[in-house]
Structures are given as structure tokens and as C-alpha cells.
Amino acid sequence: MNQILIEFTLLNVIIYSIYLLWRCRYLDNKIVVRQLSANLISIISYFIFLFISLLIQYKSHSYLVLEINPFIILSPLILSVLHELLHYIGYRYLAKIPKNEIFLSKAKILTLPFVTTSTQMSKEEYIKVLVLPTIILAFTLMFFIITSPNLLNSIVFTTGVSIGTGDILMVKSLVANKEASYIKPTENQFGVYVI
């Protein structure tokens, strides 16, 4: 059982790492967060959060199981869609962007469409939009780790948190830039124009 979990986890991390490194080949000069850095940090954070979540599960349950179900298999797609839906909610209700100015876009470095806007907003509003999905998904998925002895929930949690690595790095860049008070997202989701 432990051997299967270790092999599954390593396979998951290897596939995720290859995917992140593959998408680096489409970089351009407009981005604030360098995609290679974001991908490497995402890989490292994946291991850290996986270790933490497995430790929490171990401490929370008297027994652990390894059960595969449709949610676990589809979790990367489901979590990506939920992540973008939460960005939409953030743009709409935290940044108060009209719904006709929020749209799906597809950058060449991403495999899935993402929610964005070309509307100017304050730096603080954009930071709220960026962190909303990661915070909500982290707390929601933590519930599954605490309430379920299924070890694969730790991989789902880790995937959910790792999806937000680029957003968190963007927040770091925005906080470090003291001159920016208003921003406008670029045509790809890894950068903004400082206004």
C-alpha cells in the first residue's frame, strides 16, 4: 500500500513537473512573473504541501486508505475550472468589473483558457482577485484532508494549492512594486501593465 502511494505520488509530481517545464518555451518579454521561476517554485511548493497534507492526514486519522474515485481522477481539470471561476467572481464582486468586461482568454503558454479583463483596476483590487481562488480552494480542500482518510485527497489538495503559485508570485511582484497604484492585466495572465 505504501509503495503504491509513493509510486503514484512520484508519477504525479513527475508528470506535473514535465508539464510546467514544457510550457516555459513560449515566454515573451511582457510578463512580470517569469514562468520558469513560477514553475520551479510550483514544483517545490508541490512537494512541501504534499508533505504537510500527508502529515495532517496521518495525524487526523487512525487509519489511511488509498481509494481512487472519479473526483480524484478529474481533480486537475475540476480544480482549474473552479480556480478560474473564482477569479471571475473576484473580478466581478471584489474589483467590481462589469461582467461584459470579463472574458475567457487563451495564452499560448497555457493549456486551458483563463478568466481575465482588460479593465484598469487598483493594485489592491487585483491582489484580492489573485488570492481569492487559492485561499478558498486551500481551505475547502483542507476539509477533505481532515475528514477523509483517503491519501489521494492530499494530492488533490496539493494540486489545488499549486495551481495558484503564479498568482501568489504575481502578488509578491505587485507588493514589491511601490510605484504601482493602478494596473491593467496583459494579454497573458502572468503580467500586468502598471498605470
Foldseek 3Di string as FASTA:
>chain_A
DVVVVVVVVVVVLVVLLVLQVVLLVPDDDFFPDRSVVLSVVLSVLLVVLLVVLLVLLPVQDPDADADDDPCLVCLLVVLQVLLQVLLLVLCCPQQVDPNVQWDWADDSSDPDTHIFGQDKGFLVSLLCSLCRQLVVLLVVLSVCSNPHRHSSSSSSNSSNNSVSSLSVVLNVSSVVPPPATMWGADNDRRHIHGD
